[in-house]
Protein backbone atom coordinates (compact mmCIF):
# COMPACT_ATOMS: atom_id res chain seq x y z
CA MET A 1 141.82 108.75 156.64
CA ALA A 2 141.69 111.98 154.61
CA PHE A 3 144.89 110.99 152.79
CA LEU A 4 143.41 107.60 151.86
CA GLU A 5 140.24 109.27 150.60
CA TYR A 6 142.28 111.65 148.46
CA LYS A 7 144.27 108.73 147.02
CA GLN A 8 141.04 106.95 146.13
CA HIS A 9 139.74 110.15 144.53
CA ARG A 10 142.81 110.37 142.32
CA ARG A 11 142.61 106.68 141.39
CA ASP A 12 138.95 107.01 140.39
CA CYS A 13 139.63 110.09 138.27
CA GLN A 14 142.55 108.44 136.52
CA ARG A 15 140.51 105.29 135.92
CA LYS A 16 137.62 107.16 134.29
CA GLN A 17 139.91 109.20 132.05
CA ALA A 18 141.83 106.07 131.10
CA GLU A 19 138.54 104.29 130.29
CA ARG A 20 137.49 107.16 128.05
CA ALA A 21 140.83 107.21 126.22
CA SER A 22 140.75 103.42 125.83
CA LYS A 23 137.22 103.46 124.40
CA ILE A 24 138.21 106.10 121.85
CA ALA A 25 141.37 104.19 120.87
CA ALA A 26 139.40 100.96 120.47
CA LEU A 27 136.71 102.41 118.20
CA PRO A 28 136.22 100.73 114.81
CA GLN A 29 138.13 102.37 111.98
CA ALA A 30 134.84 103.71 110.60
CA TYR A 31 134.93 106.31 113.37
CA LEU A 32 138.51 107.33 112.69
CA TYR A 33 138.70 107.79 108.91
CA PRO A 34 138.34 111.28 107.41
CA LEU A 35 134.84 112.35 106.47
CA LEU A 36 133.52 110.94 103.17
CA PRO A 37 131.49 113.09 100.73
CA SER A 38 128.37 111.10 101.65
CA GLU A 39 128.98 111.87 105.32
CA ARG A 40 129.34 115.58 104.62
CA THR A 41 125.92 115.37 102.96
CA ILE A 42 124.55 113.84 106.16
CA LEU A 43 126.09 116.62 108.25
CA GLY A 44 124.40 119.23 106.10
CA LYS A 45 120.87 117.89 106.52
CA PRO A 46 118.39 119.06 109.18
CA ILE A 47 117.23 116.24 111.43
CA GLN A 48 113.75 116.26 109.89
CA GLU A 49 115.25 115.35 106.50
CA LEU A 50 117.46 112.69 108.06
CA VAL A 51 114.43 111.14 109.75
CA GLN A 52 112.62 110.99 106.40
CA ASP A 53 115.68 109.34 104.83
CA VAL A 54 115.72 106.72 107.60
CA HIS A 55 111.98 106.10 107.23
CA LYS A 56 112.45 105.59 103.49
CA GLN A 57 115.54 103.43 104.15
CA VAL A 58 117.60 105.80 102.01
CA THR A 59 120.10 106.38 104.82
CA SER A 60 121.21 103.92 107.49
CA PRO A 61 121.05 105.00 111.16
CA ILE A 62 124.50 103.46 111.60
CA ASP A 63 125.90 105.72 108.88
CA ILE A 64 124.41 108.78 110.61
CA LEU A 65 125.76 107.62 113.97
CA ARG A 66 129.26 107.03 112.62
CA THR A 67 129.28 110.38 110.81
CA TYR A 68 128.48 112.31 113.96
CA GLY A 69 130.74 110.03 115.96
CA LYS A 70 133.69 111.09 113.79
CA VAL A 71 133.01 114.77 114.36
CA THR A 72 132.45 114.17 118.07
CA ILE A 73 135.94 112.70 118.38
CA GLU A 74 137.38 115.80 116.72
CA ALA A 75 135.30 118.09 118.94
CA HIS A 76 136.55 116.22 122.00
CA LYS A 77 140.19 116.55 120.91
CA LYS A 78 139.71 120.30 120.66
CA THR A 79 137.48 120.98 123.70
CA ASN A 80 137.45 117.94 126.05
CA CYS A 81 133.65 118.03 125.83
CA VAL A 82 132.92 114.30 126.16
CA THR A 83 132.59 112.17 129.30
CA GLU A 84 131.14 108.74 128.42
CA ILE A 85 131.58 107.21 124.94
CA LEU A 86 128.48 105.20 124.02
CA PHE A 87 129.17 104.50 120.32
CA PRO A 88 129.45 100.65 120.36
CA GLN A 89 126.39 100.31 122.58
CA ALA A 90 124.55 102.86 120.44
CA GLU A 91 125.10 100.71 117.34
CA GLU A 92 123.67 97.73 119.20
CA TRP A 93 120.69 99.77 120.41
CA ALA A 94 120.05 100.97 116.85
CA GLU A 95 119.81 97.35 115.75
CA LYS A 96 117.75 96.00 118.66
CA GLU A 97 116.01 98.69 120.72
CA ILE A 98 115.44 101.88 118.75
CA ASN A 99 112.05 102.53 117.16
CA LEU A 100 113.10 103.39 113.62
CA LYS A 101 109.56 104.43 112.74
CA GLY A 102 109.53 107.19 115.35
CA PRO A 103 109.70 110.97 114.76
CA LEU A 104 113.42 111.03 115.61
CA ALA A 105 114.35 107.83 113.78
CA GLY A 106 118.09 107.34 113.52
CA ILE A 107 119.07 110.70 115.00
CA PRO A 108 122.08 110.60 117.35
CA VAL A 109 121.39 112.58 120.53
CA SER A 110 124.01 113.79 122.97
CA LEU A 111 123.25 113.94 126.69
CA LYS A 112 124.51 115.93 129.63
CA ASP A 113 126.51 113.65 131.91
CA SER A 114 123.77 113.83 134.55
CA ILE A 115 121.28 111.76 132.50
CA GLN A 116 120.75 108.06 133.28
CA VAL A 117 121.82 105.56 130.61
CA LYS A 118 121.95 101.85 131.34
CA GLY A 119 125.44 100.46 131.77
CA PHE A 120 127.02 103.84 132.53
CA ASP A 121 127.81 105.98 135.57
CA ILE A 122 126.30 109.34 136.32
CA SER A 123 129.34 110.93 137.90
CA VAL A 124 128.16 114.56 137.70
CA GLY A 125 131.88 115.22 137.93
CA TYR A 126 132.22 113.78 141.47
CA SER A 127 134.67 110.90 141.82
CA ARG A 128 132.57 109.19 144.51
CA ASN A 129 129.86 108.60 141.87
CA THR A 130 132.13 106.63 139.54
CA GLY A 131 132.12 102.87 139.20
CA LYS A 132 128.35 102.69 139.80
CA PRO A 133 126.74 102.01 136.42
CA TYR A 134 122.96 102.13 136.27
CA ALA A 135 121.06 98.91 135.55
CA GLU A 136 118.44 100.47 133.31
CA ASP A 137 117.69 103.56 131.26
CA GLY A 138 116.00 106.49 132.93
CA ALA A 139 112.66 107.83 131.70
CA MET A 140 114.34 110.38 129.43
CA VAL A 141 116.41 107.79 127.59
CA LYS A 142 113.50 105.35 127.29
CA LEU A 143 111.46 108.12 125.71
CA LEU A 144 114.26 109.04 123.31
CA LYS A 145 114.69 105.44 122.16
CA ASP A 146 110.96 105.03 121.61
CA ALA A 147 111.03 108.22 119.54
CA GLY A 148 113.79 106.70 117.40
CA ALA A 149 116.71 108.75 118.73
CA ILE A 150 120.04 107.09 119.49
CA PRO A 151 121.86 108.27 122.66
CA PHE A 152 125.51 108.17 121.65
CA VAL A 153 127.62 110.30 124.00
CA LYS A 154 127.52 112.08 127.37
CA THR A 155 129.04 115.51 127.90
CA ASN A 156 131.04 117.51 130.41
CA LEU A 157 129.81 119.75 133.26
CA PRO A 158 130.96 121.30 136.57
CA THR A 159 130.78 119.23 139.77
CA THR A 160 128.28 121.45 141.55
CA LEU A 161 126.14 122.19 138.44
CA LEU A 162 126.20 125.78 139.73
CA SER A 163 128.65 127.39 137.35
CA PHE A 164 128.91 128.91 133.91
CA GLU A 165 132.05 126.80 133.46
CA SER A 166 132.38 123.02 132.95
CA THR A 167 135.39 121.63 134.78
CA ASN A 168 135.88 118.80 137.27
CA ASP A 169 138.59 116.42 138.44
CA VAL A 170 136.96 113.32 136.95
CA TRP A 171 136.82 114.49 133.34
CA GLY A 172 138.99 117.62 133.25
CA ARG A 173 138.38 121.09 131.83
CA CYS A 174 136.05 121.68 128.91
CA THR A 175 137.01 124.58 126.65
CA ASN A 176 135.18 126.87 124.24
CA PRO A 177 135.32 125.66 120.60
CA HIS A 178 135.99 129.24 119.43
CA ASN A 179 138.83 130.01 121.86
CA SER A 180 140.42 127.46 124.16
CA ASN A 181 141.22 130.12 126.78
CA TYR A 182 137.51 130.60 127.49
CA SER A 183 134.69 128.60 129.04
CA PRO A 184 132.02 126.95 126.87
CA GLY A 185 129.51 127.83 129.59
CA GLY A 186 127.89 125.70 132.24
CA SER A 187 126.55 123.70 133.64
CA THR A 188 125.70 122.16 130.24
CA GLY A 189 128.98 123.36 128.75
CA GLY A 190 130.21 120.13 127.19
CA GLU A 191 126.93 119.81 125.36
CA ALA A 192 127.13 123.37 124.01
CA ALA A 193 130.75 122.89 122.89
CA LEU A 194 129.84 119.66 121.05
CA LEU A 195 126.79 121.18 119.33
CA ALA A 196 128.61 124.35 118.33
CA PHE A 197 131.52 122.35 116.90
CA GLY A 198 129.13 120.17 114.88
CA GLY A 199 129.59 116.83 116.67
CA SER A 200 125.87 116.61 117.38
CA ARG A 201 122.71 118.25 116.08
CA ILE A 202 120.47 117.76 119.11
CA GLY A 203 121.15 117.32 122.82
CA ILE A 204 119.62 117.57 126.26
CA GLY A 205 120.84 119.64 129.20
CA SER A 206 119.42 121.01 132.43
CA ASP A 207 118.88 124.55 133.68
CA VAL A 208 118.49 125.92 137.22
CA ALA A 209 119.96 129.41 136.76
CA GLY A 210 120.80 129.55 133.06
CA SER A 211 122.57 126.23 132.48
CA VAL A 212 121.32 125.55 128.94
CA ARG A 213 121.01 129.22 127.98
CA VAL A 214 124.40 130.64 128.99
CA PRO A 215 126.33 127.74 127.36
CA ALA A 216 124.40 128.37 124.12
CA HIS A 217 125.34 132.06 124.38
CA PHE A 218 128.99 131.35 125.26
CA SER A 219 129.52 128.62 122.61
CA GLY A 220 127.21 129.60 119.76
CA CYS A 221 124.27 127.20 119.52
CA TYR A 222 120.53 127.23 120.30
CA SER A 223 118.62 126.22 123.40
CA LEU A 224 115.20 126.43 124.99
CA ARG A 225 114.60 126.64 128.73
CA CYS A 226 111.25 124.85 129.09
CA SER A 227 108.85 125.58 131.92
CA THR A 228 108.58 122.94 134.63
CA GLY A 229 106.27 120.14 133.63
CA ARG A 230 106.74 120.53 129.88
CA TRP A 231 109.84 118.35 129.54
CA PRO A 232 110.82 115.12 131.37
CA LYS A 233 113.13 115.40 134.39
CA MET A 234 113.26 111.89 135.85
CA GLY A 235 116.14 109.52 135.23
CA MET A 236 118.97 111.82 136.22
CA ASN A 237 121.39 112.63 139.00
CA THR A 238 122.22 116.01 140.50
CA SER A 239 124.44 117.81 142.96
CA MET A 240 121.41 119.10 144.87
CA PRO A 241 118.83 116.32 145.27
CA GLY A 242 115.69 117.57 146.98
CA GLN A 243 116.18 121.21 145.95
CA GLU A 244 112.81 122.27 144.53
CA ALA A 245 112.57 125.95 145.52
CA ILE A 246 114.04 126.92 142.12
CA PRO A 247 113.43 123.71 140.14
CA SER A 248 115.99 122.45 137.68
CA VAL A 249 114.44 121.67 134.30
CA PHE A 250 115.83 119.41 131.61
CA SER A 251 115.57 121.13 128.25
CA PRO A 252 116.60 120.75 124.59
CA MET A 253 119.63 122.20 122.86
CA ALA A 254 120.48 122.13 119.14
CA ARG A 255 122.92 123.23 116.49
CA THR A 256 120.20 125.03 114.51
CA LEU A 257 116.85 126.61 115.31
CA ASP A 258 115.07 124.36 112.81
CA ASP A 259 116.39 121.30 114.64
CA LEU A 260 115.52 122.75 118.04
CA THR A 261 111.90 123.27 117.02
CA TYR A 262 111.52 119.88 115.34
CA PHE A 263 113.14 118.09 118.27
CA THR A 264 110.99 119.82 120.89
CA ARG A 265 107.76 119.30 118.97
CA SER A 266 108.59 115.64 118.30
CA LEU A 267 109.44 114.77 121.88
CA ILE A 268 106.32 116.43 123.28
CA GLY A 269 104.37 114.61 120.56
CA MET A 270 105.57 111.35 122.16
CA LYS A 271 103.36 112.11 125.20
CA PRO A 272 106.20 112.26 127.76
CA TRP A 273 103.67 112.29 130.61
CA ASN A 274 103.32 108.54 129.96
CA TYR A 275 107.01 108.14 130.87
CA ASP A 276 107.45 110.69 133.66
CA TYR A 277 104.94 111.66 136.33
CA THR A 278 106.35 115.21 136.51
CA VAL A 279 105.23 116.09 132.97
CA HIS A 280 101.93 117.89 132.36
CA PRO A 281 99.64 116.08 129.88
CA LEU A 282 99.86 119.05 127.53
CA GLU A 283 99.95 118.30 123.80
CA TRP A 284 101.96 120.39 121.35
CA ARG A 285 99.73 123.31 120.39
CA ASP A 286 100.10 123.95 116.66
CA HIS A 287 97.46 126.68 116.76
CA ILE A 288 99.69 128.82 119.02
CA ALA A 289 102.64 128.40 116.67
CA ALA A 290 100.40 129.29 113.74
CA GLU A 291 99.03 132.38 115.52
CA TYR A 292 102.49 133.86 116.12
CA LYS A 293 103.76 132.84 112.71
CA GLU A 294 100.95 134.74 111.01
CA LYS A 295 100.53 137.74 113.32
CA LYS A 296 101.53 140.77 111.25
CA GLN A 297 102.72 143.08 114.02
CA LEU A 298 104.27 141.74 117.20
CA ARG A 299 104.70 143.74 120.40
CA VAL A 300 108.30 143.23 121.47
CA GLY A 301 109.69 144.39 124.81
CA ILE A 302 113.44 145.02 124.95
CA LEU A 303 115.14 144.69 128.34
CA ARG A 304 118.26 146.86 127.97
CA THR A 305 119.54 146.23 131.51
CA ASP A 306 118.58 144.29 134.62
CA GLY A 307 119.66 147.22 136.79
CA VAL A 308 122.45 145.16 138.33
CA VAL A 309 124.97 144.71 135.51
CA ASP A 310 124.56 146.64 132.27
CA PRO A 311 125.34 144.46 129.25
CA SER A 312 128.81 144.82 127.77
CA PRO A 313 129.17 146.54 124.38
CA ALA A 314 129.17 143.19 122.55
CA CYS A 315 125.96 142.01 124.23
CA ALA A 316 124.29 145.42 123.86
CA ARG A 317 125.15 145.41 120.14
CA ALA A 318 123.60 141.95 119.62
CA LEU A 319 120.45 143.13 121.42
CA GLU A 320 120.28 146.28 119.29
CA ASN A 321 120.78 144.25 116.10
CA VAL A 322 117.70 142.20 116.96
CA ALA A 323 115.63 145.22 118.04
CA SER A 324 116.50 147.10 114.84
CA ALA A 325 115.77 144.10 112.60
CA LEU A 326 112.35 143.58 114.21
CA ALA A 327 111.53 147.29 113.96
CA ALA A 328 112.54 147.26 110.29
CA GLU A 329 110.03 144.45 109.77
CA GLY A 330 107.27 146.66 111.12
CA HIS A 331 106.94 145.21 114.60
CA GLU A 332 106.26 147.42 117.60
CA VAL A 333 109.54 147.45 119.52
CA PHE A 334 109.87 149.27 122.84
CA ASP A 335 112.07 149.29 125.93
CA VAL A 336 110.67 147.79 129.13
CA ASN A 337 111.35 148.30 132.82
CA PRO A 338 109.96 145.23 134.63
CA PRO A 339 109.59 144.64 138.37
CA SER A 340 113.05 144.58 139.97
CA PRO A 341 115.26 141.82 138.50
CA TYR A 342 117.58 142.56 141.42
CA GLU A 343 114.88 141.53 143.89
CA ALA A 344 114.46 138.31 141.93
CA LEU A 345 118.22 137.67 142.10
CA VAL A 346 118.23 138.11 145.88
CA ILE A 347 115.24 135.81 146.39
CA ALA A 348 116.33 133.14 143.91
CA SER A 349 119.96 132.94 145.09
CA GLN A 350 118.93 132.55 148.72
CA LEU A 351 116.26 129.95 147.93
CA LEU A 352 118.60 127.91 145.73
CA ASN A 353 121.25 127.81 148.45
CA SER A 354 118.93 127.76 151.46
CA ASP A 355 120.67 124.65 152.81
CA GLY A 356 123.87 126.66 153.26
CA CYS A 357 125.49 124.86 150.27
CA GLN A 358 125.71 121.73 152.40
CA THR A 359 124.13 119.35 149.88
CA PHE A 360 126.42 119.93 146.91
CA MET A 361 129.45 120.06 149.23
CA SER A 362 128.54 116.71 150.79
CA PHE A 363 129.57 114.84 147.63
CA PHE A 364 133.15 116.14 147.60
CA ARG A 365 136.03 113.97 148.69
CA THR A 366 139.12 115.27 150.42
CA GLY A 367 141.22 117.31 148.01
CA GLU A 368 138.62 117.30 145.23
CA TRP A 369 138.66 120.45 143.09
CA ASN A 370 135.71 122.82 143.37
CA ASP A 371 134.54 125.35 140.83
CA PRO A 372 135.87 128.80 141.87
CA GLY A 373 132.42 130.37 141.68
CA ALA A 374 130.81 127.71 143.84
CA ALA A 375 133.76 127.96 146.23
CA GLN A 376 133.09 131.69 146.60
CA MET A 377 129.49 130.98 147.54
CA VAL A 378 130.61 128.48 150.16
CA PHE A 379 133.21 130.91 151.53
CA TYR A 380 130.63 133.65 152.13
CA MET A 381 128.10 131.14 153.44
CA ARG A 382 130.54 129.91 156.08
CA LEU A 383 131.74 133.30 157.29
CA PRO A 384 130.68 133.88 160.93
CA ARG A 385 127.50 135.94 160.92
CA LEU A 386 129.04 138.73 162.99
CA VAL A 387 131.95 139.06 160.55
CA LYS A 388 129.52 138.97 157.65
CA TYR A 389 127.35 141.66 159.23
CA PHE A 390 130.27 144.03 159.70
CA TYR A 391 131.38 143.34 156.13
CA TYR A 392 127.84 144.10 154.95
CA LEU A 393 127.89 147.43 156.83
CA TRP A 394 131.27 148.33 155.35
CA VAL A 395 130.16 147.47 151.78
CA LYS A 396 126.85 149.32 152.06
CA TYR A 397 127.75 152.42 154.05
CA VAL A 398 131.48 152.90 153.49
CA LYS A 399 131.76 151.71 149.89
CA GLY A 400 128.22 152.81 149.08
CA ASP A 401 127.43 149.56 147.24
CA GLY A 402 123.87 148.59 148.14
CA ILE A 403 123.63 145.99 145.36
CA TRP A 404 126.51 143.81 146.58
CA ALA A 405 125.65 144.42 150.22
CA GLY A 406 122.07 143.31 149.67
CA LEU A 407 123.15 140.01 148.17
CA LEU A 408 125.45 139.32 151.12
CA ARG A 409 123.12 140.53 153.89
CA ASN A 410 121.25 137.27 154.50
CA TRP A 411 123.64 134.85 152.83
CA HIS A 412 123.39 132.09 155.43
CA PRO A 413 121.58 128.75 155.86
CA LYS A 414 117.84 129.19 156.28
CA THR A 415 115.57 127.88 159.00
CA ALA A 416 112.24 126.43 157.89
CA TYR A 417 110.59 129.69 158.96
CA GLU A 418 113.03 131.77 156.86
CA TYR A 419 112.61 129.41 153.92
CA TRP A 420 108.83 129.78 153.99
CA GLN A 421 109.17 133.56 154.14
CA LEU A 422 111.39 133.50 151.07
CA ALA A 423 108.98 131.20 149.23
CA GLY A 424 106.22 133.70 149.99
CA ARG A 425 108.33 136.53 148.57
CA ARG A 426 108.95 134.42 145.47
CA GLU A 427 105.23 133.93 144.86
CA ALA A 428 104.48 137.61 145.44
CA PHE A 429 107.18 138.56 142.95
CA LYS A 430 105.79 136.14 140.37
CA ALA A 431 102.32 137.63 140.79
CA LYS A 432 103.70 141.17 140.42
CA PHE A 433 105.60 140.21 137.24
CA PHE A 434 102.56 138.45 135.78
CA LYS A 435 100.42 141.55 136.33
CA TRP A 436 103.09 143.86 134.88
CA TRP A 437 103.38 141.76 131.72
CA ALA A 438 99.61 141.53 131.20
CA GLU A 439 98.49 145.03 132.19
CA GLU A 440 101.45 147.34 131.61
CA ALA A 441 103.85 145.87 129.07
CA LYS A 442 101.14 144.04 127.10
CA MET A 443 103.82 142.47 124.96
CA ASP A 444 103.94 139.27 122.96
CA PHE A 445 107.48 138.47 124.06
CA MET A 446 110.60 140.03 125.51
CA VAL A 447 114.19 140.06 124.26
CA THR A 448 117.08 140.37 126.73
CA PRO A 449 120.80 139.73 126.94
CA PRO A 450 121.51 136.18 128.16
CA ASN A 451 124.44 137.46 130.22
CA ALA A 452 126.25 140.74 130.75
CA THR A 453 129.32 139.50 128.86
CA PRO A 454 130.33 136.85 126.34
CA ALA A 455 132.19 133.78 127.62
CA VAL A 456 134.35 134.11 130.71
CA PRO A 457 137.99 132.96 130.73
CA HIS A 458 138.73 129.82 132.70
CA ASP A 459 138.20 130.25 136.45
CA GLY A 460 136.50 133.58 135.73
CA MET A 461 133.45 132.49 137.70
CA ARG A 462 135.43 133.24 140.86
CA ASP A 463 134.59 136.86 140.12
CA ALA A 464 131.45 136.57 137.98
CA VAL A 465 129.49 134.02 140.05
CA SER A 466 126.80 136.50 141.09
CA SER A 467 126.36 137.89 137.56
CA CYS A 468 123.61 135.51 136.49
CA GLY A 469 120.52 137.68 136.81
CA TYR A 470 119.54 137.79 133.13
CA THR A 471 118.83 134.06 133.11
CA PHE A 472 118.14 133.37 136.81
CA LEU A 473 115.17 135.77 136.73
CA PHE A 474 113.27 133.43 134.42
CA ASN A 475 114.03 130.35 136.52
CA LEU A 476 112.36 132.06 139.45
CA LEU A 477 109.41 133.01 137.23
CA ASP A 478 109.43 129.60 135.49
CA TYR A 479 109.08 131.26 132.08
CA SER A 480 109.94 129.71 128.72
CA ALA A 481 113.10 131.25 127.26
CA GLY A 482 115.19 130.52 124.18
CA ILE A 483 118.66 131.49 122.97
CA ILE A 484 119.55 132.68 119.46
CA PRO A 485 123.21 133.34 118.61
CA VAL A 486 123.37 136.65 116.76
CA THR A 487 126.96 137.76 116.15
CA HIS A 488 130.58 137.45 117.28
CA VAL A 489 132.66 139.80 119.41
CA ASP A 490 134.25 142.47 117.24
CA PRO A 491 137.58 143.76 118.58
CA VAL A 492 136.83 147.26 117.25
CA LEU A 493 133.08 147.71 117.64
CA ASP A 494 132.88 146.13 121.08
CA GLN A 495 135.57 148.01 122.99
CA LEU A 496 134.56 149.66 126.25
CA PRO A 497 133.96 153.40 125.78
CA ALA A 498 136.61 155.85 126.94
CA THR A 499 134.16 157.09 129.58
CA PHE A 500 133.83 153.64 131.19
CA ASN A 501 134.85 153.75 134.86
CA PHE A 502 135.39 150.38 136.51
CA LYS A 503 135.60 151.97 139.97
CA ASN A 504 132.00 153.19 139.76
CA LEU A 505 130.57 149.69 139.31
CA ASN A 506 128.81 147.73 142.03
CA GLY A 507 130.40 144.50 143.27
CA VAL A 508 128.39 142.25 140.97
CA ALA A 509 129.21 144.33 137.90
CA LYS A 510 132.89 144.49 138.82
CA GLY A 511 132.99 140.69 138.87
CA ALA A 512 131.41 140.53 135.42
CA TYR A 513 133.52 143.28 133.82
CA LYS A 514 136.82 142.21 135.34
CA HIS A 515 137.36 139.82 132.43
CA TYR A 516 135.70 141.77 129.62
CA ASP A 517 138.27 142.46 126.91
CA ALA A 518 136.95 142.78 123.35
CA THR A 519 140.41 142.23 121.89
CA LYS A 520 140.99 138.94 123.70
CA MET A 521 137.35 137.91 123.18
CA ALA A 522 137.34 138.59 119.44
CA GLY A 523 135.35 135.92 117.62
CA LEU A 524 133.44 134.61 120.63
CA PRO A 525 129.69 134.16 120.07
CA VAL A 526 127.10 136.65 121.33
CA ALA A 527 123.42 135.76 121.63
CA VAL A 528 120.08 137.14 122.76
CA GLN A 529 117.45 135.59 125.01
CA VAL A 530 113.83 135.40 123.81
CA VAL A 531 111.30 135.16 126.64
CA GLY A 532 107.67 134.14 126.82
CA ARG A 533 105.60 133.37 129.87
CA ARG A 534 105.11 130.01 131.56
CA LEU A 535 104.45 127.04 129.25
CA GLU A 536 104.77 129.15 126.11
CA GLU A 537 107.34 126.99 124.34
CA GLU A 538 105.41 127.02 121.05
CA LYS A 539 105.26 130.81 121.02
CA VAL A 540 108.92 131.26 121.96
CA LEU A 541 110.19 128.92 119.24
CA THR A 542 107.96 130.57 116.63
CA VAL A 543 109.07 134.12 117.43
CA MET A 544 112.69 132.93 117.51
CA GLU A 545 112.16 131.87 113.90
CA ARG A 546 110.71 135.28 113.05
CA ILE A 547 113.69 136.97 114.68
CA GLU A 548 116.10 134.92 112.58
CA ASP A 549 114.11 135.71 109.45
CA ALA A 550 114.34 139.43 110.33
CA LEU A 551 118.10 139.13 110.89
CA ASP A 552 118.43 137.43 107.49
CA LYS A 553 116.91 140.51 105.85
CA HIS A 554 118.66 143.11 107.98
CA GLY A 555 122.30 142.36 108.64
CA GLY A 556 122.53 138.59 108.41
CA ARG A 557 122.15 135.67 110.80
CA TYR A 558 124.81 134.03 112.94
CA GLN A 559 127.43 131.94 111.14
CA LEU A 560 128.00 128.50 112.67
CA ILE A 561 131.41 126.84 112.95
CA GLN A 562 131.92 124.84 109.77
CA VAL A 563 132.83 121.17 110.13
CA ASN A 564 136.18 120.50 108.46
């Protein structure tokens, strides 16, 4: 029986990859010719200008679609970022279904594979989900079409959606557009690779522990983790249906900050609460954006470390670049020491996996490949409790590593009673953080590393799976957080200091630093994370713009990959 299931798994994977290859080979020649001068002009325009051109009938939506389709094919050749090719259907939708008077008129939008589009599977990288196309668009896609956007491609991810890599048996391994030996991030890694390469200007991903933010950091694009209720979430599939203790949120990603802001404002302006019952009826608040655009002196908290894994030299340098640029602009910049991010990591990781990892494992077929990081979580979860307890004692008291020991201590499936206790701890932590921000820090926003290191090499999540605290913290808090790429790894500036001692690190930090090598990582993107409180998307996007303006004046902003 297991053998037959494995054979079916392989057949389904081969069929989907063959379908993808066939669709690409059968594309009209317009998608395969080299870029024309007029198409390079299209690629250089922000989406707001393209929308105006479509409204004025200066530019055809089909021309925009085919331009980005060409670059998408090249991005896919380099990174394997694409899952489902929607181009022919997208042309038909542009003619018959898309509202070309909307605020996103004629703009191609790329989608994480987990989003529901009529006529296509949502595999989420599991072979058992293939061959089951959906009969209608989900709420997200209906909203996009009514706004004038044209869904045109779906992008790669990891099977479990619980990794900063994006690999699965159905679609294969997605690679970083800057260096094919490294991950583009996850779980929205295919999206980040496509945006960074230039095959799309706007896209949608999801985030439960950093899944739109870490890919933006690893690949070099922009993203915004919205608070729950600000952005639609219906019309999707997941590896963990029913998991609401640390809610996954769908959120926007973009190639530029200007596009990210316009896209977010436009979609919220479409009143998404009329499409999706989970969305708060909260209009876009221009007065908040105006307040933080005009405020002369901002109070900026800098989180130098989460106390679990200090940021690597490359990430610390990017953070310092931003802090220095803001200080040079006259803003009040100061270091902060918030309530324990480590406590948040313990609570959030146990809540997220309170089912003992059973749900995401239930979708695997015999012999199906699992992400190494997720496999590590399952391994520790399934260890007999007595064995785990003795291992905990050895790590804590013999090795003297209380950080790693504390993460392992209660790493087992939770009873309802234990789950409720954890949920209570979560709410108490949120209240403590809220009070600290308001009464002690009194800051407008906070800037942090998005991760301790730049991109990990392939399969590096086997070691680095627990090093996710810089993003996971804000999922637990449900705060709005954006990513700005700042610089690239410098093989000279970003070397580890001679005094660095790997043996002195805790278990989480060892996993993160095992793969840090500034020479091998040279050229990889490095970003910062900009954090506001819950439902402060307008503020976060506005201060991100002010940060980029400051970088322009003091050292220069991030340089995107140029489309050839």
